[in-house]
């Protein structure tokens, strides 16, 4: 018998290939896991629809879940609704992102985006480029400690 908690446990080992300190579970990407006999169906919310890592994430999810001996059939699909938002990122993931040097997603109020530096905590930061190394991140600069850093773009409904 396949238990959902066992599936979630192995899914929690699947890291984001672009941010290897957080899992797809911690990022809030797993929308639904359904189990019917020996078949597991997983619905995943992409962080950004054009993310180049989606196929890698899908394959890593498949490899992880297929390691459960009772699983004989698996379906992993990306869904468009509901839409993933940064509100789904767990507190643990936010702390791990910060340790990794990426400012975790902050609340965005009517177009304003204040991002504290993940290194020194200063709020005296500026955006260097809204387009970072990944679709979900921007490049910022801290005026206090003089370090460049990345920040997850806030996404909300």
C-alpha atoms as a PDB file:
ATOM      1  CA  UNK A   1       0.000   0.000   0.000  1.00  0.00           C
ATOM      2  CA  UNK A   2       1.320   3.415  -0.991  1.00  0.00           C
ATOM      3  CA  UNK A   3       1.012   6.080   1.678  1.00  0.00           C
ATOM      4  CA  UNK A   4       0.741   9.743   0.738  1.00  0.00           C
ATOM      5  CA  UNK A   5       3.142  10.660   3.544  1.00  0.00           C
ATOM      6  CA  UNK A   6       5.805   8.400   1.964  1.00  0.00           C
ATOM      7  CA  UNK A   7       5.308  10.069  -1.415  1.00  0.00           C
ATOM      8  CA  UNK A   8       5.571  13.515   0.203  1.00  0.00           C
ATOM      9  CA  UNK A   9       8.715  12.423   2.026  1.00  0.00           C
ATOM     10  CA  UNK A  10      10.484  11.460  -1.210  1.00  0.00           C
ATOM     11  CA  UNK A  11       9.165  14.588  -2.947  1.00  0.00           C
ATOM     12  CA  UNK A  12      10.794  16.620  -0.187  1.00  0.00           C
ATOM     13  CA  UNK A  13      14.160  15.249  -1.377  1.00  0.00           C
ATOM     14  CA  UNK A  14      13.639  16.704  -4.868  1.00  0.00           C
ATOM     15  CA  UNK A  15      15.542  19.980  -4.919  1.00  0.00           C
ATOM     16  CA  UNK A  16      15.046  22.877  -7.293  1.00  0.00           C
ATOM     17  CA  UNK A  17      17.944  22.444  -9.759  1.00  0.00           C
ATOM     18  CA  UNK A  18      18.559  26.206  -9.798  1.00  0.00           C
ATOM     19  CA  UNK A  19      18.280  26.609  -6.009  1.00  0.00           C
ATOM     20  CA  UNK A  20      19.602  23.328  -4.559  1.00  0.00           C
ATOM     21  CA  UNK A  21      18.888  24.235  -0.928  1.00  0.00           C
ATOM     22  CA  UNK A  22      15.091  24.032  -1.219  1.00  0.00           C
ATOM     23  CA  UNK A  23      12.773  21.247  -2.308  1.00  0.00           C
ATOM     24  CA  UNK A  24       9.765  21.398  -4.583  1.00  0.00           C
ATOM     25  CA  UNK A  25       7.641  20.738  -1.494  1.00  0.00           C
ATOM     26  CA  UNK A  26       9.209  23.633   0.442  1.00  0.00           C
ATOM     27  CA  UNK A  27       8.693  25.924  -2.559  1.00  0.00           C
ATOM     28  CA  UNK A  28       4.995  25.012  -2.519  1.00  0.00           C
ATOM     29  CA  UNK A  29       5.076  23.580  -6.039  1.00  0.00           C
ATOM     30  CA  UNK A  30       3.246  20.330  -5.225  1.00  0.00           C
ATOM     31  CA  UNK A  31      -0.471  21.006  -5.652  1.00  0.00           C
ATOM     32  CA  UNK A  32      -1.882  17.510  -5.338  1.00  0.00           C
ATOM     33  CA  UNK A  33      -0.809  13.918  -4.843  1.00  0.00           C
ATOM     34  CA  UNK A  34      -3.446  11.283  -5.473  1.00  0.00           C
ATOM     35  CA  UNK A  35      -3.013   7.561  -5.043  1.00  0.00           C
ATOM     36  CA  UNK A  36      -5.183   4.856  -6.533  1.00  0.00           C
ATOM     37  CA  UNK A  37      -3.978   1.321  -5.837  1.00  0.00           C
ATOM     38  CA  UNK A  38      -0.400   1.259  -7.234  1.00  0.00           C
ATOM     39  CA  UNK A  39      -0.797   4.447  -9.329  1.00  0.00           C
ATOM     40  CA  UNK A  40       0.433   7.857  -8.160  1.00  0.00           C
ATOM     41  CA  UNK A  41      -0.642  11.082  -9.846  1.00  0.00           C
ATOM     42  CA  UNK A  42       1.173  14.306  -8.994  1.00  0.00           C
ATOM     43  CA  UNK A  43       0.118  17.806 -10.007  1.00  0.00           C
ATOM     44  CA  UNK A  44       2.901  20.391  -9.928  1.00  0.00           C
ATOM     45  CA  UNK A  45       2.538  24.176 -10.103  1.00  0.00           C
ATOM     46  CA  UNK A  46       5.442  25.736 -12.008  1.00  0.00           C
ATOM     47  CA  UNK A  47       6.909  28.820 -10.352  1.00  0.00           C
ATOM     48  CA  UNK A  48       7.106  30.507 -13.768  1.00  0.00           C
ATOM     49  CA  UNK A  49       5.639  28.987 -16.923  1.00  0.00           C
ATOM     50  CA  UNK A  50       8.791  29.560 -18.952  1.00  0.00           C
ATOM     51  CA  UNK A  51      11.151  28.080 -16.374  1.00  0.00           C
ATOM     52  CA  UNK A  52      13.829  26.078 -18.207  1.00  0.00           C
ATOM     53  CA  UNK A  53      14.206  23.720 -15.236  1.00  0.00           C
ATOM     54  CA  UNK A  54      10.677  22.277 -15.457  1.00  0.00           C
ATOM     55  CA  UNK A  55      11.641  19.149 -17.396  1.00  0.00           C
ATOM     56  CA  UNK A  56      14.519  18.499 -14.983  1.00  0.00           C
ATOM     57  CA  UNK A  57      12.167  18.944 -12.036  1.00  0.00           C
ATOM     58  CA  UNK A  58       9.644  16.571 -13.612  1.00  0.00           C
ATOM     59  CA  UNK A  59      12.298  13.919 -14.243  1.00  0.00           C
ATOM     60  CA  UNK A  60      13.691  14.257 -10.710  1.00  0.00           C
ATOM     61  CA  UNK A  61      10.177  13.867  -9.284  1.00  0.00           C
ATOM     62  CA  UNK A  62       9.681  10.744 -11.401  1.00  0.00           C
ATOM     63  CA  UNK A  63      12.995   9.247 -10.272  1.00  0.00           C
ATOM     64  CA  UNK A  64      12.247   9.958  -6.615  1.00  0.00           C
ATOM     65  CA  UNK A  65       8.697   8.564  -6.616  1.00  0.00           C
ATOM     66  CA  UNK A  66       9.637   5.552  -8.748  1.00  0.00           C
ATOM     67  CA  UNK A  67      12.080   4.602  -5.973  1.00  0.00           C
ATOM     68  CA  UNK A  68       9.069   3.647  -3.827  1.00  0.00           C
ATOM     69  CA  UNK A  69       8.754  -0.120  -4.467  1.00  0.00           C
ATOM     70  CA  UNK A  70       4.937  -0.175  -4.420  1.00  0.00           C
ATOM     71  CA  UNK A  71       4.621   2.423  -7.204  1.00  0.00           C
ATOM     72  CA  UNK A  72       3.929   0.711 -10.542  1.00  0.00           C
ATOM     73  CA  UNK A  73       2.432   3.645 -12.422  1.00  0.00           C
ATOM     74  CA  UNK A  74       3.210   7.343 -12.152  1.00  0.00           C
ATOM     75  CA  UNK A  75       1.902  10.494 -13.785  1.00  0.00           C
ATOM     76  CA  UNK A  76       3.522  13.887 -13.183  1.00  0.00           C
ATOM     77  CA  UNK A  77       1.935  16.919 -14.809  1.00  0.00           C
ATOM     78  CA  UNK A  78       2.297  20.681 -14.623  1.00  0.00           C
ATOM     79  CA  UNK A  79      -0.925  22.556 -14.059  1.00  0.00           C
ATOM     80  CA  UNK A  80      -1.874  26.137 -14.885  1.00  0.00           C
ATOM     81  CA  UNK A  81      -4.583  26.568 -12.258  1.00  0.00           C
ATOM     82  CA  UNK A  82      -4.238  27.347  -9.485  1.00  0.00           C
ATOM     83  CA  UNK A  83      -1.279  29.609 -10.117  1.00  0.00           C
ATOM     84  CA  UNK A  84       1.781  29.259  -7.912  1.00  0.00           C
ATOM     85  CA  UNK A  85       2.497  32.294  -5.742  1.00  0.00           C
ATOM     86  CA  UNK A  86       5.352  33.139  -3.422  1.00  0.00           C
ATOM     87  CA  UNK A  87       2.862  32.890  -0.539  1.00  0.00           C
ATOM     88  CA  UNK A  88       3.275  29.106  -0.881  1.00  0.00           C
ATOM     89  CA  UNK A  89       7.003  29.174  -0.045  1.00  0.00           C
ATOM     90  CA  UNK A  90       7.491  27.655   3.419  1.00  0.00           C
ATOM     91  CA  UNK A  91       9.193  29.507   6.262  1.00  0.00           C
ATOM     92  CA  UNK A  92      11.934  26.864   6.258  1.00  0.00           C
ATOM     93  CA  UNK A  93      12.561  27.506   2.556  1.00  0.00           C
ATOM     94  CA  UNK A  94      12.723  31.258   3.168  1.00  0.00           C
ATOM     95  CA  UNK A  95      15.429  30.716   5.784  1.00  0.00           C
ATOM     96  CA  UNK A  96      17.370  28.365   3.486  1.00  0.00           C
ATOM     97  CA  UNK A  97      17.139  30.841   0.601  1.00  0.00           C
ATOM     98  CA  UNK A  98      18.509  33.577   2.848  1.00  0.00           C
ATOM     99  CA  UNK A  99      21.451  31.392   3.957  1.00  0.00           C
ATOM    100  CA  UNK A 100      22.112  30.622   0.288  1.00  0.00           C
ATOM    101  CA  UNK A 101      22.327  34.354  -0.481  1.00  0.00           C
ATOM    102  CA  UNK A 102      18.936  34.755  -2.147  1.00  0.00           C
ATOM    103  CA  UNK A 103      16.510  37.183  -0.560  1.00  0.00           C
ATOM    104  CA  UNK A 104      13.297  35.267   0.086  1.00  0.00           C
ATOM    105  CA  UNK A 105      10.051  36.578  -1.373  1.00  0.00           C
ATOM    106  CA  UNK A 106       8.633  39.527   0.516  1.00  0.00           C
ATOM    107  CA  UNK A 107       5.136  40.924   0.443  1.00  0.00           C
ATOM    108  CA  UNK A 108       4.659  43.385  -2.397  1.00  0.00           C
ATOM    109  CA  UNK A 109       2.407  46.353  -1.659  1.00  0.00           C
ATOM    110  CA  UNK A 110       0.909  48.129  -4.687  1.00  0.00           C
ATOM    111  CA  UNK A 111       3.971  47.946  -6.900  1.00  0.00           C
ATOM    112  CA  UNK A 112       6.503  48.657  -4.164  1.00  0.00           C
ATOM    113  CA  UNK A 113       9.111  46.030  -3.513  1.00  0.00           C
ATOM    114  CA  UNK A 114      11.425  46.462  -0.538  1.00  0.00           C
ATOM    115  CA  UNK A 115      13.986  43.679  -0.346  1.00  0.00           C
ATOM    116  CA  UNK A 116      16.277  43.373   2.673  1.00  0.00           C
ATOM    117  CA  UNK A 117      19.814  42.153   2.011  1.00  0.00           C
ATOM    118  CA  UNK A 118      20.177  38.428   2.827  1.00  0.00           C
ATOM    119  CA  UNK A 119      23.740  39.065   4.059  1.00  0.00           C
ATOM    120  CA  UNK A 120      23.435  42.032   6.426  1.00  0.00           C
ATOM    121  CA  UNK A 121      19.671  42.606   6.665  1.00  0.00           C
ATOM    122  CA  UNK A 122      19.872  46.205   5.464  1.00  0.00           C
ATOM    123  CA  UNK A 123      16.846  47.638   3.693  1.00  0.00           C
ATOM    124  CA  UNK A 124      19.081  50.039   1.742  1.00  0.00           C
ATOM    125  CA  UNK A 125      19.043  47.994  -1.425  1.00  0.00           C
ATOM    126  CA  UNK A 126      18.477  48.793  -5.078  1.00  0.00           C
ATOM    127  CA  UNK A 127      17.493  46.681  -8.035  1.00  0.00           C
ATOM    128  CA  UNK A 128      20.280  46.333 -10.590  1.00  0.00           C
ATOM    129  CA  UNK A 129      18.296  44.196 -12.997  1.00  0.00           C
ATOM    130  CA  UNK A 130      14.777  42.795 -12.812  1.00  0.00           C
ATOM    131  CA  UNK A 131      15.996  39.955 -15.047  1.00  0.00           C
ATOM    132  CA  UNK A 132      18.189  37.668 -12.971  1.00  0.00           C
ATOM    133  CA  UNK A 133      19.799  34.339 -13.799  1.00  0.00           C
ATOM    134  CA  UNK A 134      16.377  32.675 -13.639  1.00  0.00           C
ATOM    135  CA  UNK A 135      12.887  33.899 -14.492  1.00  0.00           C
ATOM    136  CA  UNK A 136      11.926  33.836 -10.829  1.00  0.00           C
ATOM    137  CA  UNK A 137      14.817  35.992  -9.582  1.00  0.00           C
ATOM    138  CA  UNK A 138      16.133  39.552  -9.890  1.00  0.00           C
ATOM    139  CA  UNK A 139      19.567  41.020  -9.170  1.00  0.00           C
ATOM    140  CA  UNK A 140      19.858  43.618  -6.427  1.00  0.00           C
ATOM    141  CA  UNK A 141      22.669  45.513  -4.706  1.00  0.00           C
ATOM    142  CA  UNK A 142      23.068  46.312  -1.020  1.00  0.00           C
ATOM    143  CA  UNK A 143      24.243  49.872  -0.332  1.00  0.00           C
ATOM    144  CA  UNK A 144      25.298  48.950   3.211  1.00  0.00           C
ATOM    145  CA  UNK A 145      27.499  45.865   2.796  1.00  0.00           C
ATOM    146  CA  UNK A 146      28.177  46.511  -0.921  1.00  0.00           C
ATOM    147  CA  UNK A 147      27.207  42.981  -1.951  1.00  0.00           C
ATOM    148  CA  UNK A 148      25.179  42.075  -5.010  1.00  0.00           C
ATOM    149  CA  UNK A 149      22.504  39.480  -4.354  1.00  0.00           C
ATOM    150  CA  UNK A 150      19.541  37.767  -5.935  1.00  0.00           C
ATOM    151  CA  UNK A 151      15.952  38.011  -4.767  1.00  0.00           C
ATOM    152  CA  UNK A 152      12.939  35.886  -5.581  1.00  0.00           C
ATOM    153  CA  UNK A 153      10.389  37.976  -7.429  1.00  0.00           C
ATOM    154  CA  UNK A 154       7.147  38.314  -5.480  1.00  0.00           C
ATOM    155  CA  UNK A 155       4.246  36.631  -7.232  1.00  0.00           C
ATOM    156  CA  UNK A 156       0.748  36.982  -5.812  1.00  0.00           C
ATOM    157  CA  UNK A 157      -2.811  36.908  -7.016  1.00  0.00           C
END
